[in-house]
Amino acid sequence: TPPAVDWTGSVNVASVDWRWPAPTRFTLFGLETFGYFDKVVFPL
């Protein structure tokens, strides 16, 4: 499941644009998934 943020409760915020850095492919038990190891910064 991808990360998600609910920005309810913010003040003087019209919107928050979320961008996704390029992921890494994980292959485990025949499953193909995409994500980030250890650390990541999502630009906003």
All heavy atoms as atom14 arrays in JSON, in Angstrom:
{
  "sequence": "TPPAVDWTGSVNVASVDWRWPAPTRFTLFGLETFGYFDKVVFPL",
  "atom14_mask": [
    [1, 1, 1, 1, 1, 1, 1, 0, 0, 0, 0, 0, 0, 0],
    [1, 1, 1, 1, 1, 1, 1, 0, 0, 0, 0, 0, 0, 0],
    [1, 1, 1, 1, 1, 1, 1, 0, 0, 0, 0, 0, 0, 0],
    [1, 1, 1, 1, 1, 0, 0, 0, 0, 0, 0, 0, 0, 0],
    [1, 1, 1, 1, 1, 1, 1, 0, 0, 0, 0, 0, 0, 0],
    [1, 1, 1, 1, 1, 1, 1, 1, 0, 0, 0, 0, 0, 0],
    [1, 1, 1, 1, 1, 1, 1, 1, 1, 1, 1, 1, 1, 1],
    [1, 1, 1, 1, 1, 1, 1, 0, 0, 0, 0, 0, 0, 0],
    [1, 1, 1, 1, 0, 0, 0, 0, 0, 0, 0, 0, 0, 0],
    [1, 1, 1, 1, 1, 1, 0, 0, 0, 0, 0, 0, 0, 0],
    [1, 1, 1, 1, 1, 1, 1, 0, 0, 0, 0, 0, 0, 0],
    [1, 1, 1, 1, 1, 1, 1, 1, 0, 0, 0, 0, 0, 0],
    [1, 1, 1, 1, 1, 1, 1, 0, 0, 0, 0, 0, 0, 0],
    [1, 1, 1, 1, 1, 0, 0, 0, 0, 0, 0, 0, 0, 0],
    [1, 1, 1, 1, 1, 1, 0, 0, 0, 0, 0, 0, 0, 0],
    [1, 1, 1, 1, 1, 1, 1, 0, 0, 0, 0, 0, 0, 0],
    [1, 1, 1, 1, 1, 1, 1, 1, 0, 0, 0, 0, 0, 0],
    [1, 1, 1, 1, 1, 1, 1, 1, 1, 1, 1, 1, 1, 1],
    [1, 1, 1, 1, 1, 1, 1, 1, 1, 1, 1, 0, 0, 0],
    [1, 1, 1, 1, 1, 1, 1, 1, 1, 1, 1, 1, 1, 1],
    [1, 1, 1, 1, 1, 1, 1, 0, 0, 0, 0, 0, 0, 0],
    [1, 1, 1, 1, 1, 0, 0, 0, 0, 0, 0, 0, 0, 0],
    [1, 1, 1, 1, 1, 1, 1, 0, 0, 0, 0, 0, 0, 0],
    [1, 1, 1, 1, 1, 1, 1, 0, 0, 0, 0, 0, 0, 0],
    [1, 1, 1, 1, 1, 1, 1, 1, 1, 1, 1, 0, 0, 0],
    [1, 1, 1, 1, 1, 1, 1, 1, 1, 1, 1, 0, 0, 0],
    [1, 1, 1, 1, 1, 1, 1, 0, 0, 0, 0, 0, 0, 0],
    [1, 1, 1, 1, 1, 1, 1, 1, 0, 0, 0, 0, 0, 0],
    [1, 1, 1, 1, 1, 1, 1, 1, 1, 1, 1, 0, 0, 0],
    [1, 1, 1, 1, 0, 0, 0, 0, 0, 0, 0, 0, 0, 0],
    [1, 1, 1, 1, 1, 1, 1, 1, 0, 0, 0, 0, 0, 0],
    [1, 1, 1, 1, 1, 1, 1, 1, 1, 0, 0, 0, 0, 0],
    [1, 1, 1, 1, 1, 1, 1, 0, 0, 0, 0, 0, 0, 0],
    [1, 1, 1, 1, 1, 1, 1, 1, 1, 1, 1, 0, 0, 0],
    [1, 1, 1, 1, 0, 0, 0, 0, 0, 0, 0, 0, 0, 0],
    [1, 1, 1, 1, 1, 1, 1, 1, 1, 1, 1, 1, 0, 0],
    [1, 1, 1, 1, 1, 1, 1, 1, 1, 1, 1, 0, 0, 0],
    [1, 1, 1, 1, 1, 1, 1, 1, 0, 0, 0, 0, 0, 0],
    [1, 1, 1, 1, 1, 1, 1, 1, 1, 0, 0, 0, 0, 0],
    [1, 1, 1, 1, 1, 1, 1, 0, 0, 0, 0, 0, 0, 0],
    [1, 1, 1, 1, 1, 1, 1, 0, 0, 0, 0, 0, 0, 0],
    [1, 1, 1, 1, 1, 1, 1, 1, 1, 1, 1, 0, 0, 0],
    [1, 1, 1, 1, 1, 1, 1, 0, 0, 0, 0, 0, 0, 0],
    [1, 1, 1, 1, 1, 1, 1, 1, 0, 0, 0, 0, 0, 0]
  ],
  "atom14_positions": [
    [[0.85, -1.18, 0.0], [0.0, 0.0, 0.0], [0.89, 1.23, 0.0], [1.84, 1.3, 0.8], [-0.9, 0.01, 1.24], [-1.71, -1.18, 1.26], [-1.82, 1.23, 1.24], [0.0, 0.0, 0.0], [0.0, 0.0, 0.0], [0.0, 0.0, 0.0], [0.0, 0.0, 0.0], [0.0, 0.0, 0.0], [0.0, 0.0, 0.0], [0.0, 0.0, 0.0]],
    [[0.63, 2.22, -0.85], [1.48, 3.42, -0.85], [1.21, 4.3, 0.35], [0.11, 4.28, 0.92], [1.06, 4.11, -2.15], [-0.34, 3.67, -2.39], [-0.42, 2.26, -1.89], [0.0, 0.0, 0.0], [0.0, 0.0, 0.0], [0.0, 0.0, 0.0], [0.0, 0.0, 0.0], [0.0, 0.0, 0.0], [0.0, 0.0, 0.0], [0.0, 0.0, 0.0]],
    [[2.2, 5.1, 0.8], [1.97, 6.05, 1.89], [0.92, 7.09, 1.49], [0.79, 7.45, 0.32], [3.35, 6.7, 2.1], [4.31, 5.78, 1.43], [3.59, 5.12, 0.32], [0.0, 0.0, 0.0], [0.0, 0.0, 0.0], [0.0, 0.0, 0.0], [0.0, 0.0, 0.0], [0.0, 0.0, 0.0], [0.0, 0.0, 0.0], [0.0, 0.0, 0.0]],
    [[0.18, 7.58, 2.47], [-0.84, 8.6, 2.23], [-0.9, 9.51, 3.44], [-0.68, 9.08, 4.58], [-2.2, 7.96, 1.95], [0.0, 0.0, 0.0], [0.0, 0.0, 0.0], [0.0, 0.0, 0.0], [0.0, 0.0, 0.0], [0.0, 0.0, 0.0], [0.0, 0.0, 0.0], [0.0, 0.0, 0.0], [0.0, 0.0, 0.0], [0.0, 0.0, 0.0]],
    [[-1.21, 10.79, 3.2], [-1.3, 11.77, 4.28], [-2.64, 12.5, 4.18], [-3.04, 12.94, 3.1], [-0.14, 12.81, 4.21], [-0.31, 13.85, 5.3], [1.21, 12.11, 4.37], [0.0, 0.0, 0.0], [0.0, 0.0, 0.0], [0.0, 0.0, 0.0], [0.0, 0.0, 0.0], [0.0, 0.0, 0.0], [0.0, 0.0, 0.0], [0.0, 0.0, 0.0]],
    [[-3.32, 12.61, 5.3], [-4.54, 13.41, 5.42], [-4.15, 14.76, 6.01], [-3.69, 14.84, 7.15], [-5.54, 12.69, 6.32], [-6.84, 13.47, 6.48], [-7.0, 14.51, 5.8], [-7.69, 13.04, 7.29], [0.0, 0.0, 0.0], [0.0, 0.0, 0.0], [0.0, 0.0, 0.0], [0.0, 0.0, 0.0], [0.0, 0.0, 0.0], [0.0, 0.0, 0.0]],
    [[-4.31, 15.82, 5.21], [-3.87, 17.15, 5.62], [-4.96, 17.93, 6.35], [-4.84, 19.15, 6.53], [-3.39, 17.95, 4.41], [-2.26, 17.31, 3.67], [-2.29, 16.72, 2.46], [-0.9, 17.19, 4.12], [-1.07, 16.23, 2.09], [-0.17, 16.51, 3.1], [-0.21, 17.58, 5.28], [1.18, 16.23, 3.21], [1.14, 17.29, 5.39], [1.82, 16.62, 4.36]],
    [[-6.02, 17.27, 6.76], [-7.09, 17.94, 7.49], [-6.53, 18.55, 8.78], [-5.76, 17.91, 9.5], [-8.21, 16.94, 7.83], [-8.69, 16.36, 6.62], [-9.35, 17.63, 8.55], [0.0, 0.0, 0.0], [0.0, 0.0, 0.0], [0.0, 0.0, 0.0], [0.0, 0.0, 0.0], [0.0, 0.0, 0.0], [0.0, 0.0, 0.0], [0.0, 0.0, 0.0]],
    [[-6.94, 19.78, 9.07], [-6.45, 20.46, 10.26], [-5.39, 21.5, 9.97], [-5.01, 22.26, 10.87], [0.0, 0.0, 0.0], [0.0, 0.0, 0.0], [0.0, 0.0, 0.0], [0.0, 0.0, 0.0], [0.0, 0.0, 0.0], [0.0, 0.0, 0.0], [0.0, 0.0, 0.0], [0.0, 0.0, 0.0], [0.0, 0.0, 0.0], [0.0, 0.0, 0.0]],
    [[-4.9, 21.55, 8.72], [-3.91, 22.56, 8.36], [-4.55, 23.94, 8.28], [-5.74, 24.07, 7.99], [-3.25, 22.2, 7.03], [-2.6, 20.96, 7.1], [0.0, 0.0, 0.0], [0.0, 0.0, 0.0], [0.0, 0.0, 0.0], [0.0, 0.0, 0.0], [0.0, 0.0, 0.0], [0.0, 0.0, 0.0], [0.0, 0.0, 0.0], [0.0, 0.0, 0.0]],
    [[-3.75, 24.98, 8.52], [-4.22, 26.36, 8.5], [-3.46, 27.13, 7.43], [-2.23, 27.03, 7.34], [-4.03, 27.03, 9.88], [-4.5, 28.48, 9.83], [-4.78, 26.26, 10.96], [0.0, 0.0, 0.0], [0.0, 0.0, 0.0], [0.0, 0.0, 0.0], [0.0, 0.0, 0.0], [0.0, 0.0, 0.0], [0.0, 0.0, 0.0], [0.0, 0.0, 0.0]],
    [[-4.2, 27.89, 6.63], [-3.64, 28.68, 5.54], [-2.94, 27.79, 4.51], [-1.88, 28.13, 3.98], [-2.66, 29.74, 6.06], [-2.3, 30.77, 4.98], [-3.05, 30.97, 4.02], [-1.15, 31.4, 5.14], [0.0, 0.0, 0.0], [0.0, 0.0, 0.0], [0.0, 0.0, 0.0], [0.0, 0.0, 0.0], [0.0, 0.0, 0.0], [0.0, 0.0, 0.0]],
    [[-3.54, 26.64, 4.25], [-3.01, 25.71, 3.25], [-4.12, 25.38, 2.26], [-5.15, 24.8, 2.64], [-2.5, 24.41, 3.91], [-2.07, 23.4, 2.84], [-1.32, 24.71, 4.84], [0.0, 0.0, 0.0], [0.0, 0.0, 0.0], [0.0, 0.0, 0.0], [0.0, 0.0, 0.0], [0.0, 0.0, 0.0], [0.0, 0.0, 0.0], [0.0, 0.0, 0.0]],
    [[-3.93, 25.79, 1.0], [-4.92, 25.49, -0.04], [-4.78, 24.08, -0.56], [-5.77, 23.38, -0.79], [-4.8, 26.5, -1.19], [0.0, 0.0, 0.0], [0.0, 0.0, 0.0], [0.0, 0.0, 0.0], [0.0, 0.0, 0.0], [0.0, 0.0, 0.0], [0.0, 0.0, 0.0], [0.0, 0.0, 0.0], [0.0, 0.0, 0.0], [0.0, 0.0, 0.0]],
    [[-3.54, 23.62, -0.75], [-3.3, 22.27, -1.25], [-1.85, 21.9, -0.98], [-1.0, 22.76, -0.7], [-3.61, 22.16, -2.75], [-2.74, 23.01, -3.5], [0.0, 0.0, 0.0], [0.0, 0.0, 0.0], [0.0, 0.0, 0.0], [0.0, 0.0, 0.0], [0.0, 0.0, 0.0], [0.0, 0.0, 0.0], [0.0, 0.0, 0.0], [0.0, 0.0, 0.0]],
    [[-1.59, 20.6, -1.06], [-0.22, 20.07, -0.92], [0.02, 19.14, -2.08], [-0.65, 18.12, -2.23], [-0.04, 19.33, 0.42], [1.39, 18.77, 0.5], [-0.31, 20.25, 1.6], [0.0, 0.0, 0.0], [0.0, 0.0, 0.0], [0.0, 0.0, 0.0], [0.0, 0.0, 0.0], [0.0, 0.0, 0.0], [0.0, 0.0, 0.0], [0.0, 0.0, 0.0]],
    [[0.97, 19.51, -2.94], [1.33, 18.69, -4.11], [2.41, 17.7, -3.7], [3.48, 18.08, -3.23], [1.82, 19.59, -5.24], [2.26, 18.79, -6.46], [1.66, 17.73, -6.71], [3.21, 19.2, -7.15], [0.0, 0.0, 0.0], [0.0, 0.0, 0.0], [0.0, 0.0, 0.0], [0.0, 0.0, 0.0], [0.0, 0.0, 0.0], [0.0, 0.0, 0.0]],
    [[2.11, 16.41, -3.88], [3.02, 15.31, -3.48], [3.66, 14.75, -4.74], [2.98, 14.42, -5.7], [2.19, 14.24, -2.77], [2.92, 13.01, -2.31], [3.69, 12.18, -3.07], [2.92, 12.46, -1.0], [4.16, 11.14, -2.32], [3.71, 11.28, -1.03], [2.32, 12.81, 0.21], [3.92, 10.48, 0.08], [2.54, 12.02, 1.31], [3.31, 10.88, 1.27]],
    [[4.99, 14.61, -4.73], [5.71, 14.01, -5.86], [6.47, 12.78, -5.39], [6.91, 12.7, -4.24], [6.66, 15.03, -6.49], [5.96, 16.0, -7.42], [6.77, 17.25, -7.64], [6.85, 18.03, -6.42], [7.73, 19.0, -6.22], [8.62, 19.29, -7.16], [7.74, 19.68, -5.09], [0.0, 0.0, 0.0], [0.0, 0.0, 0.0], [0.0, 0.0, 0.0]],
    [[6.63, 11.82, -6.33], [7.18, 10.51, -6.01], [8.55, 10.33, -6.69], [8.63, 10.29, -7.91], [6.25, 9.41, -6.5], [4.89, 9.45, -5.88], [3.82, 10.17, -6.31], [4.45, 8.74, -4.71], [2.73, 9.96, -5.5], [3.09, 9.09, -4.5], [5.07, 7.84, -3.84], [2.35, 8.56, -3.45], [4.34, 7.32, -2.8], [2.99, 7.68, -2.6]],
    [[9.62, 10.22, -5.91], [10.91, 9.87, -6.52], [10.83, 8.49, -7.19], [9.99, 7.66, -6.85], [11.87, 9.85, -5.32], [11.2, 10.7, -4.28], [9.73, 10.5, -4.48], [0.0, 0.0, 0.0], [0.0, 0.0, 0.0], [0.0, 0.0, 0.0], [0.0, 0.0, 0.0], [0.0, 0.0, 0.0], [0.0, 0.0, 0.0], [0.0, 0.0, 0.0]],
    [[11.71, 8.27, -8.16], [11.73, 6.99, -8.86], [11.97, 5.85, -7.88], [12.84, 5.94, -7.01], [12.81, 7.0, -9.93], [0.0, 0.0, 0.0], [0.0, 0.0, 0.0], [0.0, 0.0, 0.0], [0.0, 0.0, 0.0], [0.0, 0.0, 0.0], [0.0, 0.0, 0.0], [0.0, 0.0, 0.0], [0.0, 0.0, 0.0], [0.0, 0.0, 0.0]],
    [[11.22, 4.75, -8.0], [11.32, 3.66, -7.03], [12.36, 2.62, -7.43], [12.97, 2.68, -8.5], [9.91, 3.06, -7.07], [9.51, 3.21, -8.51], [10.14, 4.51, -8.97], [0.0, 0.0, 0.0], [0.0, 0.0, 0.0], [0.0, 0.0, 0.0], [0.0, 0.0, 0.0], [0.0, 0.0, 0.0], [0.0, 0.0, 0.0], [0.0, 0.0, 0.0]],
    [[12.52, 1.63, -6.57], [13.34, 0.45, -6.83], [12.41, -0.76, -6.96], [11.41, -0.85, -6.25], [14.34, 0.23, -5.68], [15.2, 1.36, -5.59], [15.17, -1.03, -5.92], [0.0, 0.0, 0.0], [0.0, 0.0, 0.0], [0.0, 0.0, 0.0], [0.0, 0.0, 0.0], [0.0, 0.0, 0.0], [0.0, 0.0, 0.0], [0.0, 0.0, 0.0]],
    [[12.73, -1.67, -7.88], [11.93, -2.89, -8.04], [12.38, -3.94, -7.03], [13.57, -4.23, -6.9], [12.08, -3.45, -9.46], [11.27, -4.73, -9.71], [11.61, -5.31, -11.06], [11.14, -4.48, -12.15], [9.94, -4.6, -12.73], [9.1, -5.54, -12.31], [9.59, -3.81, -13.72], [0.0, 0.0, 0.0], [0.0, 0.0, 0.0], [0.0, 0.0, 0.0]],
    [[11.4, -4.52, -6.3], [11.67, -5.62, -5.37], [11.04, -6.88, -5.95], [9.88, -6.87, -6.35], [11.06, -5.36, -3.99], [11.42, -4.03, -3.39], [10.49, -3.32, -2.64], [12.67, -3.49, -3.56], [10.81, -2.09, -2.09], [13.0, -2.26, -3.02], [12.07, -1.56, -2.27], [0.0, 0.0, 0.0], [0.0, 0.0, 0.0], [0.0, 0.0, 0.0]],
    [[11.79, -7.98, -5.97], [11.26, -9.27, -6.41], [11.4, -10.26, -5.27], [12.51, -10.53, -4.81], [12.0, -9.8, -7.65], [11.9, -8.83, -8.7], [11.4, -11.11, -8.12], [0.0, 0.0, 0.0], [0.0, 0.0, 0.0], [0.0, 0.0, 0.0], [0.0, 0.0, 0.0], [0.0, 0.0, 0.0], [0.0, 0.0, 0.0], [0.0, 0.0, 0.0]],
    [[10.28, -10.78, -4.78], [10.29, -11.7, -3.65], [9.17, -12.71, -3.82], [7.99, -12.32, -3.97], [10.13, -10.94, -2.33], [10.22, -11.77, -1.05], [11.62, -12.37, -0.91], [9.9, -10.9, 0.17], [0.0, 0.0, 0.0], [0.0, 0.0, 0.0], [0.0, 0.0, 0.0], [0.0, 0.0, 0.0], [0.0, 0.0, 0.0], [0.0, 0.0, 0.0]],
    [[9.53, -13.99, -3.8], [8.55, -15.08, -3.93], [7.69, -14.94, -5.19], [6.5, -15.22, -5.18], [7.66, -15.16, -2.69], [8.41, -15.35, -1.41], [8.29, -14.43, -0.37], [9.26, -16.44, -1.25], [8.99, -14.61, 0.82], [9.96, -16.62, -0.06], [9.83, -15.71, 0.97], [0.0, 0.0, 0.0], [0.0, 0.0, 0.0], [0.0, 0.0, 0.0]],
    [[8.31, -14.45, -6.27], [7.59, -14.29, -7.52], [6.73, -13.05, -7.6], [6.08, -12.82, -8.62], [0.0, 0.0, 0.0], [0.0, 0.0, 0.0], [0.0, 0.0, 0.0], [0.0, 0.0, 0.0], [0.0, 0.0, 0.0], [0.0, 0.0, 0.0], [0.0, 0.0, 0.0], [0.0, 0.0, 0.0], [0.0, 0.0, 0.0], [0.0, 0.0, 0.0]],
    [[6.72, -12.21, -6.55], [5.94, -10.98, -6.55], [6.84, -9.81, -6.94], [7.99, -9.7, -6.49], [5.33, -10.72, -5.17], [4.36, -11.79, -4.64], [3.9, -11.42, -3.23], [3.16, -11.94, -5.56], [0.0, 0.0, 0.0], [0.0, 0.0, 0.0], [0.0, 0.0, 0.0], [0.0, 0.0, 0.0], [0.0, 0.0, 0.0], [0.0, 0.0, 0.0]],
    [[6.3, -8.93, -7.78], [7.02, -7.73, -8.22], [6.41, -6.52, -7.52], [5.22, -6.21, -7.72], [6.93, -7.57, -9.74], [7.52, -8.72, -10.53], [9.03, -8.79, -10.47], [9.65, -7.72, -10.28], [9.58, -9.9, -10.6], [0.0, 0.0, 0.0], [0.0, 0.0, 0.0], [0.0, 0.0, 0.0], [0.0, 0.0, 0.0], [0.0, 0.0, 0.0]],
    [[7.21, -5.83, -6.69], [6.73, -4.64, -6.01], [7.74, -3.51, -6.22], [8.88, -3.73, -6.62], [6.52, -4.89, -4.51], [7.76, -5.34, -3.94], [5.44, -5.94, -4.28], [0.0, 0.0, 0.0], [0.0, 0.0, 0.0], [0.0, 0.0, 0.0], [0.0, 0.0, 0.0], [0.0, 0.0, 0.0], [0.0, 0.0, 0.0], [0.0, 0.0, 0.0]],
    [[7.31, -2.27, -5.91], [8.13, -1.09, -6.16], [8.09, -0.19, -4.93], [7.02, 0.04, -4.36], [7.61, -0.31, -7.38], [7.36, -1.19, -8.56], [6.07, -1.57, -8.9], [8.4, -1.66, -9.34], [5.82, -2.39, -9.98], [8.17, -2.49, -10.42], [6.88, -2.85, -10.74], [0.0, 0.0, 0.0], [0.0, 0.0, 0.0], [0.0, 0.0, 0.0]],
    [[9.27, 0.31, -4.51], [9.28, 1.16, -3.33], [10.66, 1.69, -3.02], [11.51, 1.87, -3.9], [0.0, 0.0, 0.0], [0.0, 0.0, 0.0], [0.0, 0.0, 0.0], [0.0, 0.0, 0.0], [0.0, 0.0, 0.0], [0.0, 0.0, 0.0], [0.0, 0.0, 0.0], [0.0, 0.0, 0.0], [0.0, 0.0, 0.0], [0.0, 0.0, 0.0]],
    [[10.92, 1.92, -1.71], [12.12, 2.61, -1.25], [12.7, 1.86, -0.05], [11.98, 1.5, 0.88], [11.8, 4.05, -0.84], [10.98, 4.8, -1.87], [9.59, 4.86, -1.75], [11.59, 5.44, -2.95], [8.83, 5.55, -2.69], [10.83, 6.12, -3.89], [9.46, 6.17, -3.76], [8.7, 6.84, -4.69], [0.0, 0.0, 0.0], [0.0, 0.0, 0.0]],
    [[14.02, 1.68, -0.08], [14.74, 1.04, 1.02], [15.21, 2.09, 2.03], [15.69, 3.17, 1.65], [15.97, 0.29, 0.52], [15.72, -1.15, 0.18], [16.03, -1.64, -1.07], [15.2, -2.01, 1.13], [15.82, -2.97, -1.39], [14.97, -3.35, 0.83], [15.28, -3.83, -0.43], [0.0, 0.0, 0.0], [0.0, 0.0, 0.0], [0.0, 0.0, 0.0]],
    [[15.08, 1.82, 3.3], [15.73, 2.52, 4.41], [15.27, 3.96, 4.61], [14.89, 4.35, 5.71], [17.25, 2.48, 4.28], [17.79, 1.06, 4.29], [17.1, 0.18, 4.84], [18.88, 0.83, 3.73], [0.0, 0.0, 0.0], [0.0, 0.0, 0.0], [0.0, 0.0, 0.0], [0.0, 0.0, 0.0], [0.0, 0.0, 0.0], [0.0, 0.0, 0.0]],
    [[15.31, 4.79, 3.56], [14.96, 6.21, 3.75], [14.5, 6.81, 2.43], [14.86, 6.33, 1.35], [16.16, 6.99, 4.28], [17.37, 6.97, 3.36], [18.55, 7.67, 3.98], [19.79, 7.59, 3.08], [20.95, 8.27, 3.67], [0.0, 0.0, 0.0], [0.0, 0.0, 0.0], [0.0, 0.0, 0.0], [0.0, 0.0, 0.0], [0.0, 0.0, 0.0]],
    [[13.73, 7.87, 2.53], [13.24, 8.58, 1.35], [12.72, 9.94, 1.79], [12.3, 10.12, 2.95], [12.12, 7.77, 0.64], [10.88, 7.65, 1.52], [11.76, 8.4, -0.7], [0.0, 0.0, 0.0], [0.0, 0.0, 0.0], [0.0, 0.0, 0.0], [0.0, 0.0, 0.0], [0.0, 0.0, 0.0], [0.0, 0.0, 0.0], [0.0, 0.0, 0.0]],
    [[12.79, 10.91, 0.89], [12.16, 12.21, 1.09], [11.18, 12.42, -0.06], [11.58, 12.41, -1.23], [13.19, 13.36, 1.13], [12.48, 14.71, 1.21], [14.14, 13.19, 2.3], [0.0, 0.0, 0.0], [0.0, 0.0, 0.0], [0.0, 0.0, 0.0], [0.0, 0.0, 0.0], [0.0, 0.0, 0.0], [0.0, 0.0, 0.0], [0.0, 0.0, 0.0]],
    [[9.91, 12.61, 0.27], [8.91, 12.9, -0.74], [8.81, 14.42, -0.91], [8.41, 15.12, 0.03], [7.54, 12.34, -0.33], [7.52, 10.84, -0.19], [7.53, 10.25, 1.06], [7.48, 10.03, -1.3], [7.5, 8.87, 1.2], [7.46, 8.64, -1.19], [7.47, 8.07, 0.07], [0.0, 0.0, 0.0], [0.0, 0.0, 0.0], [0.0, 0.0, 0.0]],
    [[9.2, 14.96, -2.07], [9.1, 16.4, -2.26], [7.64, 16.87, -2.23], [6.76, 16.23, -2.8], [9.73, 16.63, -3.65], [10.57, 15.42, -3.88], [9.84, 14.29, -3.21], [0.0, 0.0, 0.0], [0.0, 0.0, 0.0], [0.0, 0.0, 0.0], [0.0, 0.0, 0.0], [0.0, 0.0, 0.0], [0.0, 0.0, 0.0], [0.0, 0.0, 0.0]],
    [[7.41, 17.98, -1.55], [6.07, 18.56, -1.42], [6.1, 20.02, -1.87], [7.12, 20.7, -1.73], [5.58, 18.49, 0.03], [5.62, 17.14, 0.74], [5.25, 17.33, 2.21], [4.68, 16.15, 0.08], [0.0, 0.0, 0.0], [0.0, 0.0, 0.0], [0.0, 0.0, 0.0], [0.0, 0.0, 0.0], [0.0, 0.0, 0.0], [0.0, 0.0, 0.0]]
  ]
}
